[in-house]
Each structure stands twice: as C-alpha cells, then as structure tokens.
Amino acid sequence: MGASLSGLTENGSANGGPGLGDIPESCVACVFLHLTPPEICNLARLNRAFRGAASSDAVWEAKLPANYQQLLDLLPEDRYQGLCKKDIFALLSRSVPFDDANKVVWLDRVTGRICMSISAKAMTITGIEDRRYWNWLPTEESRFHVVAYLQQIWWFEVDGVVRFPFPPDIYTLSFRIHLGRFSKRLGRRVCNFEHTHGWHIKPVRFEFSTSDGQHAMSEFCLDDAVQDDVNGNHKRGYWIEYKVGEFIVSGSDLETEVRFSMKQIDCTHSKGGLCVDSVSIIPSNLKGHRRKGVLK
C-alpha cells in the first residue's frame, strides 16, 4: 500500500495508473474544507488541481468568520476591493487596527477565529497625565510600540471598554504586564527595578463584565513576597499575562460590550515599577496560543 501511494504523481504512476493530477479539482476542494489554511497552502504546491482548489473562494469562504465583512469595514476600501477570499483571509490574519490604532483585531492563521488586543493607550489610567507618576515608554516589545510605566502611586486603577461584534465562541480576557523598567544596553535587554515595590503587600484585583451580564474576577500578588536567592524573583523582568476569566458569546447579531479593570486601591502603601502593555481577548481553547507566562 505504501509503495503504491508513494508512486502516485501528477502524471500517474510508473505502470500507467492514476496520479494525483487525475483527482478532480472539485473533489480536492471538498477535502480542503476539512483542512487548516497552512495545510491547504502546503498541499497547493503538489500540482495544478491542488493549486486551483487552494484558490477557490468556496474553500476560503468557509475559513473566514461569518462577520468578516465587519472586519474589512475597519480598513480603507481600496485595501480589499477586488481581492479573492484567499487574499482576504491573508489580509485579515494580519493586525487590523481600529479606534485610532489603539485596538487591533486579527484572524488566527490556523483556525480563522477572531483575536483582539487593546493598548494601554485605549484605557483610563489614574494619574496618567502626571509625569511624576506615569510615563509612556516606546518599545518594540509591544505590538503597539508603547507601554505605560508607573514610577510610584498610592491609588492604582486601570479601566477599559471595548464594543465589538465577536462571533460565537468562548473567549479569555487577560492583562499583559511587566514588573520593572526594561531597556537595551549595548544590544542586550536589561531591567531596572529601582521603582518596583509594594506589589507583594496586597493583591491586585482584575475584573471584567459584559453587556449580557457575565462577570469574572481574579486576584494576584504581582511580586513574590519571598525571593529565591539563586533565581531571583521569577515575576520580575518578564511579560506575564494574568488571566481574568472567560466569557461566552452565543449570538453574532449584536455587539458585545466588555468592561475590564485592574486595581489596587489600598492607600496604606505606595506601589510602583510596573509596565502595563495591553489586554488580550482570545478564544479560550485556541490551538497554538502561547501559554508560557500566563497565570490562570
């Protein structure tokens, strides 16, 4: 069996039997409906029939979310006018900015499911206008190229909201934050913890609520109270995604509003030395989603 299959080519096998090139393009397209976009692109290199099926609008229409036109509406019309469905999928799998480019949405390249990231620039941050407390740091470590850095404050609160027609799915909302101020020196990444303090005393509360009444809350101490003399404090100097919780979207007719926050408002102590990058909203069981650095 293995030998006969390996002998199949576009022009038939050595004994004149059928080859891959004899499979009707419509049959190949039916098979592609059950494959992922990367698998389709890899198989498209086999022969003409596979290439034709891999360019079929019917195949790629099935890979796009039902509301993909609403994503396209976030872009200038000349960016997508006249594109085939395959090219539309490729376009939407890159970041699509909206709300003054402080929010981005994109399609996962494997599943075609919608993901979102929201910059700290789109959030309301207590004291952000006072440079004694907060500064905006340019960086290539954020998809938004800037993060909010807290030097010191007594009342810490970050709030945000997003309204979007999320397709039916189960989504996880997480905050991406970093203890310490990072920079590059002589081409190497270095972290300064001069202002990092107060995060081990009381936990930070993370919350979100949705327009249909769903709510989640979690609490984390952002700094370890006891440090490891060998490895140091493992929460310092790394980007960590703190999972707030999950919410379910069951219908796609209306926009879902999600309000989220992180706060530590115990004014008995000051806190500082923290970078706030973004909030992510990503399908909960998304295959290939990087779990390293995610606290549940």
C-alpha atoms as a PDB file:
ATOM      1  CA  MET A   1       0.000   0.000   0.000  1.00  0.00           C
ATOM      2  CA  GLY A   2       2.756   2.427   0.987  1.00  0.00           C
ATOM      3  CA  ALA A   3       4.747   1.697  -2.158  1.00  0.00           C
ATOM      4  CA  SER A   4       1.764   2.206  -4.469  1.00  0.00           C
ATOM      5  CA  LEU A   5       0.808   5.513  -2.815  1.00  0.00           C
ATOM      6  CA  SER A   6       4.353   6.821  -2.962  1.00  0.00           C
ATOM      7  CA  GLY A   7       4.350   6.133  -6.723  1.00  0.00           C
ATOM      8  CA  LEU A   8       1.461   8.475  -7.408  1.00  0.00           C
ATOM      9  CA  THR A   9       2.494  11.615  -9.258  1.00  0.00           C
ATOM     10  CA  GLU A  10       0.758  14.336 -11.165  1.00  0.00           C
ATOM     11  CA  ASN A  11       1.069  12.338 -14.403  1.00  0.00           C
ATOM     12  CA  GLY A  12       0.295   8.918 -12.971  1.00  0.00           C
ATOM     13  CA  SER A  13       2.341   6.095 -11.551  1.00  0.00           C
ATOM     14  CA  ALA A  14       5.119   4.226 -13.324  1.00  0.00           C
ATOM     15  CA  ASN A  15       2.712   1.475 -14.505  1.00  0.00           C
ATOM     16  CA  GLY A  16       0.247   3.949 -16.028  1.00  0.00           C
ATOM     17  CA  GLY A  17      -2.133   4.072 -13.059  1.00  0.00           C
ATOM     18  CA  PRO A  18      -3.907   7.199 -11.802  1.00  0.00           C
ATOM     19  CA  GLY A  19      -1.940  10.035 -10.237  1.00  0.00           C
ATOM     20  CA  LEU A  20      -2.711  12.998  -8.043  1.00  0.00           C
ATOM     21  CA  GLY A  21      -3.267  15.068 -11.165  1.00  0.00           C
ATOM     22  CA  ASP A  22      -6.251  12.881 -12.044  1.00  0.00           C
ATOM     23  CA  ILE A  23      -8.220  13.910  -8.943  1.00  0.00           C
ATOM     24  CA  PRO A  24     -10.941  16.417  -9.943  1.00  0.00           C
ATOM     25  CA  GLU A  25     -10.378  19.900  -8.576  1.00  0.00           C
ATOM     26  CA  SER A  26     -13.880  19.888  -7.056  1.00  0.00           C
ATOM     27  CA  CYS A  27     -13.017  16.762  -5.039  1.00  0.00           C
ATOM     28  CA  VAL A  28      -9.796  18.331  -3.804  1.00  0.00           C
ATOM     29  CA  ALA A  29     -11.759  21.433  -2.774  1.00  0.00           C
ATOM     30  CA  CYS A  30     -14.141  19.260  -0.720  1.00  0.00           C
ATOM     31  CA  VAL A  31     -11.162  17.772   1.122  1.00  0.00           C
ATOM     32  CA  PHE A  32      -9.679  21.246   1.712  1.00  0.00           C
ATOM     33  CA  LEU A  33     -12.834  22.280   3.533  1.00  0.00           C
ATOM     34  CA  HIS A  34     -11.705  19.994   6.365  1.00  0.00           C
ATOM     35  CA  LEU A  35      -8.077  21.199   6.469  1.00  0.00           C
ATOM     36  CA  THR A  36      -6.443  24.213   8.073  1.00  0.00           C
ATOM     37  CA  PRO A  37      -5.168  27.156   5.997  1.00  0.00           C
ATOM     38  CA  PRO A  38      -1.478  26.191   6.496  1.00  0.00           C
ATOM     39  CA  GLU A  39      -2.223  22.645   5.370  1.00  0.00           C
ATOM     40  CA  ILE A  40      -4.066  23.928   2.298  1.00  0.00           C
ATOM     41  CA  CYS A  41      -1.160  26.184   1.343  1.00  0.00           C
ATOM     42  CA  ASN A  42       1.322  23.326   1.702  1.00  0.00           C
ATOM     43  CA  LEU A  43      -0.753  20.966  -0.471  1.00  0.00           C
ATOM     44  CA  ALA A  44      -1.232  23.657  -3.114  1.00  0.00           C
ATOM     45  CA  ARG A  45       2.343  23.021  -4.245  1.00  0.00           C
ATOM     46  CA  LEU A  46       1.610  19.441  -5.362  1.00  0.00           C
ATOM     47  CA  ASN A  47       0.034  20.035  -8.773  1.00  0.00           C
ATOM     48  CA  ARG A  48      -2.321  22.137 -10.865  1.00  0.00           C
ATOM     49  CA  ALA A  49      -5.547  20.650  -9.463  1.00  0.00           C
ATOM     50  CA  PHE A  50      -4.427  21.253  -5.886  1.00  0.00           C
ATOM     51  CA  ARG A  51      -3.348  24.806  -6.728  1.00  0.00           C
ATOM     52  CA  GLY A  52      -6.718  25.505  -8.313  1.00  0.00           C
ATOM     53  CA  ALA A  53      -8.645  24.113  -5.347  1.00  0.00           C
ATOM     54  CA  ALA A  54      -6.422  26.057  -2.935  1.00  0.00           C
ATOM     55  CA  SER A  55      -7.502  29.290  -4.633  1.00  0.00           C
ATOM     56  CA  SER A  56     -11.217  28.515  -4.560  1.00  0.00           C
ATOM     57  CA  ASP A  57     -13.407  31.190  -2.990  1.00  0.00           C
ATOM     58  CA  ALA A  58     -15.685  28.441  -1.654  1.00  0.00           C
ATOM     59  CA  VAL A  59     -12.787  26.934   0.318  1.00  0.00           C
ATOM     60  CA  TRP A  60     -11.655  30.217   1.859  1.00  0.00           C
ATOM     61  CA  GLU A  61     -15.186  31.487   2.494  1.00  0.00           C
ATOM     62  CA  ALA A  62     -15.520  28.555   4.901  1.00  0.00           C
ATOM     63  CA  LYS A  63     -12.323  29.599   6.717  1.00  0.00           C
ATOM     64  CA  LEU A  64     -13.470  33.184   7.284  1.00  0.00           C
ATOM     65  CA  PRO A  65     -15.709  34.150  10.230  1.00  0.00           C
ATOM     66  CA  ALA A  66     -19.313  34.904   9.378  1.00  0.00           C
ATOM     67  CA  ASN A  67     -18.839  38.619  10.096  1.00  0.00           C
ATOM     68  CA  TYR A  68     -15.579  39.078   8.200  1.00  0.00           C
ATOM     69  CA  GLN A  69     -17.108  41.977   6.252  1.00  0.00           C
ATOM     70  CA  GLN A  70     -17.299  43.955   9.509  1.00  0.00           C
ATOM     71  CA  LEU A  71     -13.557  43.463   9.912  1.00  0.00           C
ATOM     72  CA  LEU A  72     -12.976  44.640   6.357  1.00  0.00           C
ATOM     73  CA  ASP A  73     -15.045  47.744   7.091  1.00  0.00           C
ATOM     74  CA  LEU A  74     -12.331  48.770   9.556  1.00  0.00           C
ATOM     75  CA  LEU A  75      -9.922  49.142   6.612  1.00  0.00           C
ATOM     76  CA  PRO A  76      -9.898  51.580   3.702  1.00  0.00           C
ATOM     77  CA  GLU A  77     -11.976  50.106   0.879  1.00  0.00           C
ATOM     78  CA  ASP A  78      -9.086  50.159  -1.579  1.00  0.00           C
ATOM     79  CA  ARG A  79      -7.194  47.716   0.672  1.00  0.00           C
ATOM     80  CA  TYR A  80      -9.613  44.865  -0.010  1.00  0.00           C
ATOM     81  CA  GLN A  81     -11.636  45.801  -3.076  1.00  0.00           C
ATOM     82  CA  GLY A  82     -11.348  43.122  -5.752  1.00  0.00           C
ATOM     83  CA  LEU A  83      -9.482  40.621  -3.550  1.00  0.00           C
ATOM     84  CA  CYS A  84     -10.323  36.936  -3.711  1.00  0.00           C
ATOM     85  CA  LYS A  85     -11.323  35.188  -0.476  1.00  0.00           C
ATOM     86  CA  LYS A  86      -7.852  33.677  -0.042  1.00  0.00           C
ATOM     87  CA  ASP A  87      -6.242  37.123  -0.139  1.00  0.00           C
ATOM     88  CA  ILE A  88      -8.916  38.479   2.208  1.00  0.00           C
ATOM     89  CA  PHE A  89      -8.018  35.756   4.706  1.00  0.00           C
ATOM     90  CA  ALA A  90      -4.330  36.683   4.384  1.00  0.00           C
ATOM     91  CA  LEU A  91      -5.165  40.376   4.858  1.00  0.00           C
ATOM     92  CA  LEU A  92      -7.262  39.788   7.978  1.00  0.00           C
ATOM     93  CA  SER A  93      -4.703  37.435   9.523  1.00  0.00           C
ATOM     94  CA  ARG A  94      -2.512  40.499   9.926  1.00  0.00           C
ATOM     95  CA  SER A  95      -3.339  43.144  12.522  1.00  0.00           C
ATOM     96  CA  VAL A  96      -6.340  45.286  11.605  1.00  0.00           C
ATOM     97  CA  PRO A  97      -6.250  48.497  13.690  1.00  0.00           C
ATOM     98  CA  PHE A  98      -9.268  50.498  14.835  1.00  0.00           C
ATOM     99  CA  ASP A  99     -10.140  53.189  17.406  1.00  0.00           C
ATOM    100  CA  ASP A 100      -7.149  55.367  16.445  1.00  0.00           C
ATOM    101  CA  ALA A 101      -4.970  52.239  16.118  1.00  0.00           C
ATOM    102  CA  ASN A 102      -5.145  51.656  19.891  1.00  0.00           C
ATOM    103  CA  LYS A 103      -7.019  48.394  19.321  1.00  0.00           C
ATOM    104  CA  VAL A 104      -6.260  45.653  16.822  1.00  0.00           C
ATOM    105  CA  VAL A 105      -8.116  42.570  15.678  1.00  0.00           C
ATOM    106  CA  TRP A 106      -6.860  39.678  13.557  1.00  0.00           C
ATOM    107  CA  LEU A 107      -7.705  36.147  12.454  1.00  0.00           C
ATOM    108  CA  ASP A 108      -5.769  33.233  13.847  1.00  0.00           C
ATOM    109  CA  ARG A 109      -3.861  31.782  10.879  1.00  0.00           C
ATOM    110  CA  VAL A 110      -4.774  28.188  11.732  1.00  0.00           C
ATOM    111  CA  THR A 111      -8.411  28.393  12.816  1.00  0.00           C
ATOM    112  CA  GLY A 112      -9.650  31.679  11.346  1.00  0.00           C
ATOM    113  CA  ARG A 113     -11.031  32.686  14.753  1.00  0.00           C
ATOM    114  CA  ILE A 114     -11.015  36.297  15.882  1.00  0.00           C
ATOM    115  CA  CYS A 115      -8.410  37.609  18.347  1.00  0.00           C
ATOM    116  CA  MET A 116      -8.076  41.102  19.787  1.00  0.00           C
ATOM    117  CA  SER A 117      -5.561  43.221  21.655  1.00  0.00           C
ATOM    118  CA  ILE A 118      -6.225  46.571  23.357  1.00  0.00           C
ATOM    119  CA  SER A 119      -3.405  49.015  24.095  1.00  0.00           C
ATOM    120  CA  ALA A 120      -2.933  50.779  27.420  1.00  0.00           C
ATOM    121  CA  LYS A 121      -3.381  53.936  25.307  1.00  0.00           C
ATOM    122  CA  ALA A 122      -7.061  52.994  24.969  1.00  0.00           C
ATOM    123  CA  MET A 123      -7.530  52.674  28.745  1.00  0.00           C
ATOM    124  CA  THR A 124      -8.305  55.141  31.518  1.00  0.00           C
ATOM    125  CA  ILE A 125      -5.374  55.157  33.931  1.00  0.00           C
ATOM    126  CA  THR A 126      -5.440  57.036  37.233  1.00  0.00           C
ATOM    127  CA  GLY A 127      -2.767  59.767  37.225  1.00  0.00           C
ATOM    128  CA  ILE A 128      -1.577  59.056  33.666  1.00  0.00           C
ATOM    129  CA  GLU A 129      -1.413  62.770  32.872  1.00  0.00           C
ATOM    130  CA  ASP A 130       1.080  63.430  35.706  1.00  0.00           C
ATOM    131  CA  ARG A 131       4.664  62.545  34.715  1.00  0.00           C
ATOM    132  CA  ARG A 132       5.613  62.261  38.398  1.00  0.00           C
ATOM    133  CA  TYR A 133       3.621  59.023  38.415  1.00  0.00           C
ATOM    134  CA  TRP A 134       3.408  57.651  34.876  1.00  0.00           C
ATOM    135  CA  ASN A 135       5.418  57.766  31.660  1.00  0.00           C
ATOM    136  CA  TRP A 136       4.889  56.346  28.172  1.00  0.00           C
ATOM    137  CA  LEU A 137       7.832  54.164  27.133  1.00  0.00           C
ATOM    138  CA  PRO A 138       8.472  53.418  23.436  1.00  0.00           C
ATOM    139  CA  THR A 139       9.376  49.775  22.884  1.00  0.00           C
ATOM    140  CA  GLU A 140       9.427  47.021  20.272  1.00  0.00           C
ATOM    141  CA  GLU A 141       8.219  44.538  22.918  1.00  0.00           C
ATOM    142  CA  SER A 142       4.634  45.681  22.433  1.00  0.00           C
ATOM    143  CA  ARG A 143       2.577  45.320  19.253  1.00  0.00           C
ATOM    144  CA  PHE A 144       1.533  48.939  19.928  1.00  0.00           C
ATOM    145  CA  HIS A 145       5.171  50.084  20.292  1.00  0.00           C
ATOM    146  CA  VAL A 146       4.456  51.863  23.592  1.00  0.00           C
ATOM    147  CA  VAL A 147       3.655  50.844  27.191  1.00  0.00           C
ATOM    148  CA  ALA A 148       2.585  52.761  30.286  1.00  0.00           C
ATOM    149  CA  TYR A 149       5.238  52.763  33.042  1.00  0.00           C
ATOM    150  CA  LEU A 150       4.298  53.514  36.647  1.00  0.00           C
ATOM    151  CA  GLN A 151       7.027  55.008  38.847  1.00  0.00           C
ATOM    152  CA  GLN A 152       5.063  55.393  42.060  1.00  0.00           C
ATOM    153  CA  ILE A 153       1.465  55.957  43.116  1.00  0.00           C
ATOM    154  CA  TRP A 154      -0.861  55.294  46.052  1.00  0.00           C
ATOM    155  CA  TRP A 155      -4.106  54.722  44.157  1.00  0.00           C
ATOM    156  CA  PHE A 156      -3.669  52.334  41.217  1.00  0.00           C
ATOM    157  CA  GLU A 157      -6.542  51.827  38.791  1.00  0.00           C
ATOM    158  CA  VAL A 158      -6.722  50.959  35.075  1.00  0.00           C
ATOM    159  CA  ASP A 159     -10.075  50.702  33.277  1.00  0.00           C
ATOM    160  CA  GLY A 160     -11.095  49.988  29.690  1.00  0.00           C
ATOM    161  CA  VAL A 161     -14.017  49.110  27.473  1.00  0.00           C
ATOM    162  CA  VAL A 162     -14.451  47.587  24.028  1.00  0.00           C
ATOM    163  CA  ARG A 163     -17.542  47.105  21.877  1.00  0.00           C
ATOM    164  CA  PHE A 164     -17.216  44.593  19.076  1.00  0.00           C
ATOM    165  CA  PRO A 165     -19.327  42.035  17.156  1.00  0.00           C
ATOM    166  CA  PHE A 166     -17.484  38.969  18.439  1.00  0.00           C
ATOM    167  CA  PRO A 167     -18.542  35.750  16.637  1.00  0.00           C
ATOM    168  CA  PRO A 168     -19.989  32.972  18.824  1.00  0.00           C
ATOM    169  CA  ASP A 169     -17.156  31.466  20.855  1.00  0.00           C
ATOM    170  CA  ILE A 170     -15.677  31.236  24.352  1.00  0.00           C
ATOM    171  CA  TYR A 171     -13.118  33.992  24.962  1.00  0.00           C
ATOM    172  CA  THR A 172     -10.405  34.520  27.563  1.00  0.00           C
ATOM    173  CA  LEU A 173      -9.529  38.037  28.731  1.00  0.00           C
ATOM    174  CA  SER A 174      -6.013  38.669  30.084  1.00  0.00           C
ATOM    175  CA  PHE A 175      -3.853  41.629  31.130  1.00  0.00           C
ATOM    176  CA  ARG A 176      -0.229  41.754  29.888  1.00  0.00           C
ATOM    177  CA  ILE A 177       2.019  43.434  32.453  1.00  0.00           C
ATOM    178  CA  HIS A 178       5.681  43.581  33.419  1.00  0.00           C
ATOM    179  CA  LEU A 179       7.440  44.283  36.718  1.00  0.00           C
ATOM    180  CA  GLY A 180      10.450  46.568  36.280  1.00  0.00           C
ATOM    181  CA  ARG A 181      11.552  49.055  33.672  1.00  0.00           C
ATOM    182  CA  PHE A 182      13.307  47.432  30.717  1.00  0.00           C
ATOM    183  CA  SER A 183      15.652  48.870  28.119  1.00  0.00           C
ATOM    184  CA  LYS A 184      18.519  47.858  25.842  1.00  0.00           C
ATOM    185  CA  ARG A 185      22.140  48.451  26.691  1.00  0.00           C
ATOM    186  CA  LEU A 186      24.894  47.502  24.264  1.00  0.00           C
ATOM    187  CA  GLY A 187      22.354  45.385  22.390  1.00  0.00           C
ATOM    188  CA  ARG A 188      21.280  43.453  25.480  1.00  0.00           C
ATOM    189  CA  ARG A 189      17.984  43.645  27.331  1.00  0.00           C
ATOM    190  CA  VAL A 190      18.361  44.932  30.884  1.00  0.00           C
ATOM    191  CA  CYS A 191      15.774  45.577  33.618  1.00  0.00           C
ATOM    192  CA  ASN A 192      15.807  48.209  36.323  1.00  0.00           C
ATOM    193  CA  PHE A 193      13.821  47.515  39.500  1.00  0.00           C
ATOM    194  CA  GLU A 194      14.600  50.798  41.245  1.00  0.00           C
ATOM    195  CA  HIS A 195      10.915  51.768  41.459  1.00  0.00           C
ATOM    196  CA  THR A 196       9.492  48.251  41.858  1.00  0.00           C
ATOM    197  CA  HIS A 197       7.813  47.986  45.233  1.00  0.00           C
ATOM    198  CA  GLY A 198       4.517  47.441  47.018  1.00  0.00           C
ATOM    199  CA  TRP A 199       3.093  44.650  44.850  1.00  0.00           C
ATOM    200  CA  HIS A 200       3.667  41.863  47.378  1.00  0.00           C
ATOM    201  CA  ILE A 201       1.699  43.508  50.182  1.00  0.00           C
ATOM    202  CA  LYS A 202      -1.822  43.260  48.770  1.00  0.00           C
ATOM    203  CA  PRO A 203      -3.119  41.524  45.629  1.00  0.00           C
ATOM    204  CA  VAL A 204      -4.230  43.362  42.514  1.00  0.00           C
ATOM    205  CA  ARG A 205      -7.866  42.778  41.583  1.00  0.00           C
ATOM    206  CA  PHE A 206      -8.680  42.054  37.919  1.00  0.00           C
ATOM    207  CA  GLU A 207     -12.293  42.178  36.730  1.00  0.00           C
ATOM    208  CA  PHE A 208     -14.460  42.283  33.654  1.00  0.00           C
ATOM    209  CA  SER A 209     -18.172  42.381  32.898  1.00  0.00           C
ATOM    210  CA  THR A 210     -20.098  42.018  29.638  1.00  0.00           C
ATOM    211  CA  SER A 211     -23.221  43.710  28.329  1.00  0.00           C
ATOM    212  CA  ASP A 212     -25.204  40.472  28.736  1.00  0.00           C
ATOM    213  CA  GLY A 213     -24.425  40.157  32.442  1.00  0.00           C
ATOM    214  CA  GLN A 214     -21.361  37.923  32.543  1.00  0.00           C
ATOM    215  CA  HIS A 215     -18.710  38.766  35.121  1.00  0.00           C
ATOM    216  CA  ALA A 216     -15.332  37.455  36.250  1.00  0.00           C
ATOM    217  CA  MET A 217     -12.840  38.463  38.911  1.00  0.00           C
ATOM    218  CA  SER A 218      -9.386  37.250  39.924  1.00  0.00           C
ATOM    219  CA  GLU A 219      -6.685  38.462  42.301  1.00  0.00           C
ATOM    220  CA  PHE A 220      -2.904  38.107  42.066  1.00  0.00           C
ATOM    221  CA  CYS A 221       0.080  39.339  44.037  1.00  0.00           C
ATOM    222  CA  LEU A 222       2.279  40.694  41.270  1.00  0.00           C
ATOM    223  CA  ASP A 223       5.517  40.379  43.220  1.00  0.00           C
ATOM    224  CA  ASP A 224       6.767  37.385  45.194  1.00  0.00           C
ATOM    225  CA  ALA A 225       6.989  38.059  48.910  1.00  0.00           C
ATOM    226  CA  VAL A 226       9.893  35.619  49.274  1.00  0.00           C
ATOM    227  CA  GLN A 227      12.699  35.803  46.743  1.00  0.00           C
ATOM    228  CA  ASP A 228      14.834  32.919  45.577  1.00  0.00           C
ATOM    229  CA  ASP A 229      18.497  33.784  46.254  1.00  0.00           C
ATOM    230  CA  VAL A 230      19.606  31.776  43.210  1.00  0.00           C
ATOM    231  CA  ASN A 231      16.984  32.618  40.618  1.00  0.00           C
ATOM    232  CA  GLY A 232      15.762  35.928  41.982  1.00  0.00           C
ATOM    233  CA  ASN A 233      12.122  36.920  41.772  1.00  0.00           C
ATOM    234  CA  HIS A 234      10.634  34.983  38.831  1.00  0.00           C
ATOM    235  CA  LYS A 235       7.826  37.505  38.304  1.00  0.00           C
ATOM    236  CA  ARG A 236      10.232  40.363  37.743  1.00  0.00           C
ATOM    237  CA  GLY A 237      11.682  41.202  34.346  1.00  0.00           C
ATOM    238  CA  TYR A 238       9.195  39.147  32.302  1.00  0.00           C
ATOM    239  CA  TRP A 239       5.969  39.871  30.484  1.00  0.00           C
ATOM    240  CA  ILE A 240       3.198  37.930  32.212  1.00  0.00           C
ATOM    241  CA  GLU A 241      -0.394  37.529  31.081  1.00  0.00           C
ATOM    242  CA  TYR A 242      -2.788  37.484  34.007  1.00  0.00           C
ATOM    243  CA  LYS A 243      -5.986  35.661  33.116  1.00  0.00           C
ATOM    244  CA  VAL A 244      -9.081  37.422  34.399  1.00  0.00           C
ATOM    245  CA  GLY A 245     -11.648  34.900  33.203  1.00  0.00           C
ATOM    246  CA  GLU A 246     -13.785  33.680  30.312  1.00  0.00           C
ATOM    247  CA  PHE A 247     -16.994  34.877  28.699  1.00  0.00           C
ATOM    248  CA  ILE A 248     -19.306  33.268  26.155  1.00  0.00           C
ATOM    249  CA  VAL A 249     -20.701  34.856  23.008  1.00  0.00           C
ATOM    250  CA  SER A 250     -23.682  32.860  21.788  1.00  0.00           C
ATOM    251  CA  GLY A 251     -25.043  35.135  19.053  1.00  0.00           C
ATOM    252  CA  SER A 252     -23.446  37.303  16.386  1.00  0.00           C
ATOM    253  CA  ASP A 253     -26.240  39.786  15.652  1.00  0.00           C
ATOM    254  CA  LEU A 254     -25.259  42.466  18.176  1.00  0.00           C
ATOM    255  CA  GLU A 255     -22.058  43.984  19.508  1.00  0.00           C
ATOM    256  CA  THR A 256     -20.750  42.679  22.816  1.00  0.00           C
ATOM    257  CA  GLU A 257     -19.534  45.313  25.246  1.00  0.00           C
ATOM    258  CA  VAL A 258     -16.751  44.238  27.607  1.00  0.00           C
ATOM    259  CA  ARG A 259     -15.635  46.455  30.507  1.00  0.00           C
ATOM    260  CA  PHE A 260     -12.411  45.476  32.254  1.00  0.00           C
ATOM    261  CA  SER A 261     -10.212  46.803  35.049  1.00  0.00           C
ATOM    262  CA  MET A 262      -7.232  46.149  37.271  1.00  0.00           C
ATOM    263  CA  LYS A 263      -6.858  47.997  40.557  1.00  0.00           C
ATOM    264  CA  GLN A 264      -5.060  48.115  43.885  1.00  0.00           C
ATOM    265  CA  ILE A 265      -6.637  50.959  45.837  1.00  0.00           C
ATOM    266  CA  ASP A 266      -5.349  50.262  49.357  1.00  0.00           C
ATOM    267  CA  CYS A 267      -3.820  53.651  50.164  1.00  0.00           C
ATOM    268  CA  THR A 268      -1.848  52.404  53.182  1.00  0.00           C
ATOM    269  CA  HIS A 269       1.194  51.827  50.967  1.00  0.00           C
ATOM    270  CA  SER A 270       2.604  53.081  47.682  1.00  0.00           C
ATOM    271  CA  LYS A 271       3.442  50.879  44.697  1.00  0.00           C
ATOM    272  CA  GLY A 272       5.453  51.333  41.537  1.00  0.00           C
ATOM    273  CA  GLY A 273       7.825  49.938  38.939  1.00  0.00           C
ATOM    274  CA  LEU A 274       5.156  48.390  36.716  1.00  0.00           C
ATOM    275  CA  CYS A 275       4.567  48.382  32.932  1.00  0.00           C
ATOM    276  CA  VAL A 276       1.053  47.998  31.539  1.00  0.00           C
ATOM    277  CA  ASP A 277       1.006  46.900  27.902  1.00  0.00           C
ATOM    278  CA  SER A 278      -2.378  45.622  26.800  1.00  0.00           C
ATOM    279  CA  VAL A 279      -5.452  43.476  27.307  1.00  0.00           C
ATOM    280  CA  SER A 280      -5.983  40.451  25.060  1.00  0.00           C
ATOM    281  CA  ILE A 281      -9.279  38.772  24.176  1.00  0.00           C
ATOM    282  CA  ILE A 282      -8.577  35.416  22.545  1.00  0.00           C
ATOM    283  CA  PRO A 283     -10.629  32.223  22.007  1.00  0.00           C
ATOM    284  CA  SER A 284     -10.056  30.119  25.092  1.00  0.00           C
ATOM    285  CA  ASN A 285      -9.031  26.821  23.506  1.00  0.00           C
ATOM    286  CA  LEU A 286      -7.150  28.316  20.595  1.00  0.00           C
ATOM    287  CA  LYS A 287      -4.559  25.804  19.452  1.00  0.00           C
ATOM    288  CA  GLY A 288      -1.056  27.196  19.304  1.00  0.00           C
ATOM    289  CA  HIS A 289      -1.843  30.023  21.724  1.00  0.00           C
ATOM    290  CA  ARG A 290       1.321  30.556  23.705  1.00  0.00           C
ATOM    291  CA  ARG A 291       0.596  29.565  27.295  1.00  0.00           C
ATOM    292  CA  LYS A 292       4.030  30.367  28.713  1.00  0.00           C
ATOM    293  CA  GLY A 293       3.800  33.283  31.097  1.00  0.00           C
ATOM    294  CA  VAL A 294       0.024  33.006  31.542  1.00  0.00           C
ATOM    295  CA  LEU A 295      -1.238  32.868  35.106  1.00  0.00           C
ATOM    296  CA  LYS A 296      -4.655  31.239  35.461  1.00  0.00           C
END
